[in-house]
Protein backbone atom coordinates (compact mmCIF):
# COMPACT_ATOMS: atom_id res chain seq x y z
CA UNK A 1 7.32 -11.31 11.14
CA UNK A 2 5.94 -9.32 8.21
CA UNK A 3 6.46 -6.05 10.08
CA UNK A 4 10.08 -6.95 10.84
CA UNK A 5 10.73 -7.84 7.20
CA UNK A 6 9.08 -4.62 6.02
CA UNK A 7 11.11 -2.58 8.52
CA UNK A 8 14.33 -4.24 7.39
CA UNK A 9 13.49 -3.59 3.73
CA UNK A 10 12.70 0.07 4.41
CA UNK A 11 15.92 0.48 6.38
CA UNK A 12 17.92 -1.10 3.55
CA UNK A 13 16.29 1.14 0.94
CA UNK A 14 16.98 4.23 3.08
CA UNK A 15 20.63 3.20 3.46
CA UNK A 16 21.14 2.49 -0.28
CA UNK A 17 19.23 5.15 -2.25
CA UNK A 18 21.64 5.18 -5.20
CA UNK A 19 21.37 1.42 -5.68
CA UNK A 20 17.59 1.60 -5.55
CA UNK A 21 17.57 4.40 -8.13
CA UNK A 22 19.77 2.33 -10.47
CA UNK A 23 17.46 -0.70 -10.18
CA UNK A 24 14.34 1.41 -10.73
CA UNK A 25 15.98 3.10 -13.73
CA UNK A 26 16.90 -0.30 -15.22
CA UNK A 27 13.37 -1.58 -14.67
CA UNK A 28 12.01 1.56 -16.32
CA UNK A 29 13.89 0.65 -19.49
CA UNK A 30 12.45 -2.88 -19.65
CA UNK A 31 10.57 -3.18 -23.00
CA UNK A 32 7.20 -4.33 -21.55
CA UNK A 33 7.24 -1.43 -19.09
CA UNK A 34 8.21 1.00 -21.84
CA UNK A 35 5.17 -0.13 -23.84
CA UNK A 36 2.91 0.33 -20.80
CA UNK A 37 4.37 3.76 -20.06
CA UNK A 38 3.80 4.92 -23.63
CA UNK A 39 0.29 3.47 -23.76
CA UNK A 40 -0.87 4.90 -20.42
CA UNK A 41 1.30 8.03 -20.29
CA UNK A 42 -1.64 10.41 -19.68
CA UNK A 43 -2.94 8.34 -16.76
CA UNK A 44 0.50 7.94 -15.20
CA UNK A 45 1.15 11.68 -15.33
CA UNK A 46 -2.30 12.32 -13.84
CA UNK A 47 -1.69 9.93 -10.92
CA UNK A 48 1.82 11.23 -10.24
CA UNK A 49 0.53 14.80 -10.07
CA UNK A 50 -2.27 13.79 -7.71
CA UNK A 51 0.02 12.08 -5.21
CA UNK A 52 2.63 14.84 -5.04
CA UNK A 53 2.51 16.83 -1.80
CA UNK A 54 1.69 20.01 -3.71
CA UNK A 55 -0.81 18.32 -6.03
CA UNK A 56 -4.59 18.50 -5.93
CA UNK A 57 -4.86 15.95 -3.14
CA UNK A 58 -1.33 15.70 -1.87
CA UNK A 59 -0.34 14.11 1.39
CA UNK A 60 -3.78 14.28 3.03
CA UNK A 61 -5.32 12.18 0.24
CA UNK A 62 -2.50 9.65 0.39
CA UNK A 63 -2.82 9.30 4.17
CA UNK A 64 -6.60 9.01 3.90
CA UNK A 65 -6.24 6.30 1.27
CA UNK A 66 -3.82 4.38 3.50
CA UNK A 67 -6.16 4.68 6.50
CA UNK A 68 -9.06 3.44 4.38
CA UNK A 69 -7.04 0.44 3.18
CA UNK A 70 -5.96 -0.46 6.73
CA UNK A 71 -9.50 -0.06 8.06
CA UNK A 72 -10.85 -2.28 5.31
CA UNK A 73 -8.25 -4.93 6.16
CA UNK A 74 -9.10 -4.77 9.88
CA UNK A 75 -12.83 -5.08 9.15
CA UNK A 76 -12.15 -8.05 6.87
CA UNK A 77 -10.17 -9.76 9.64
CA UNK A 78 -12.97 -9.30 12.18
CA UNK A 79 -15.58 -10.43 9.65
CA UNK A 80 -13.54 -13.54 8.89
CA UNK A 81 -13.30 -14.35 12.61
CA UNK A 82 -17.07 -14.02 12.99
CA UNK A 83 -17.84 -16.13 9.91
CA UNK A 84 -15.41 -18.88 10.95
CA UNK A 85 -16.87 -18.71 14.47
CA UNK A 86 -13.57 -18.28 16.26
CA UNK A 87 -13.91 -18.14 20.04
CA UNK A 88 -12.72 -14.55 20.46
CA UNK A 89 -15.31 -13.30 17.97
CA UNK A 90 -18.07 -15.32 19.64
CA UNK A 91 -17.03 -13.94 23.02
CA UNK A 92 -17.31 -10.40 21.70
CA UNK A 93 -20.88 -10.88 20.43
CA UNK A 94 -22.16 -13.15 23.20
CA UNK A 95 -25.13 -11.75 25.11
CA UNK A 96 -24.50 -10.63 28.68
CA UNK A 97 -26.62 -12.05 31.48
């Protein structure tokens, strides 16, 4: 269900780029965000440069970070199954013979 909702949201954003830009621009002018942007301007510029395709890390770093996050989530799910003693996890670690 989450994948379907995410796919629908991505499709909507791709179909309405001007509307998304207007909303993001309006949010960028929200006073609390303006204060954060002015306070952490150096860090924001640093991060934006790092995640640009031509930056120091670029696309390979971004993909690696995404793979690491997904792997961590998958490991957490398996660990939870083992700790809760769900049947599929017990089947996977049961001794043969």
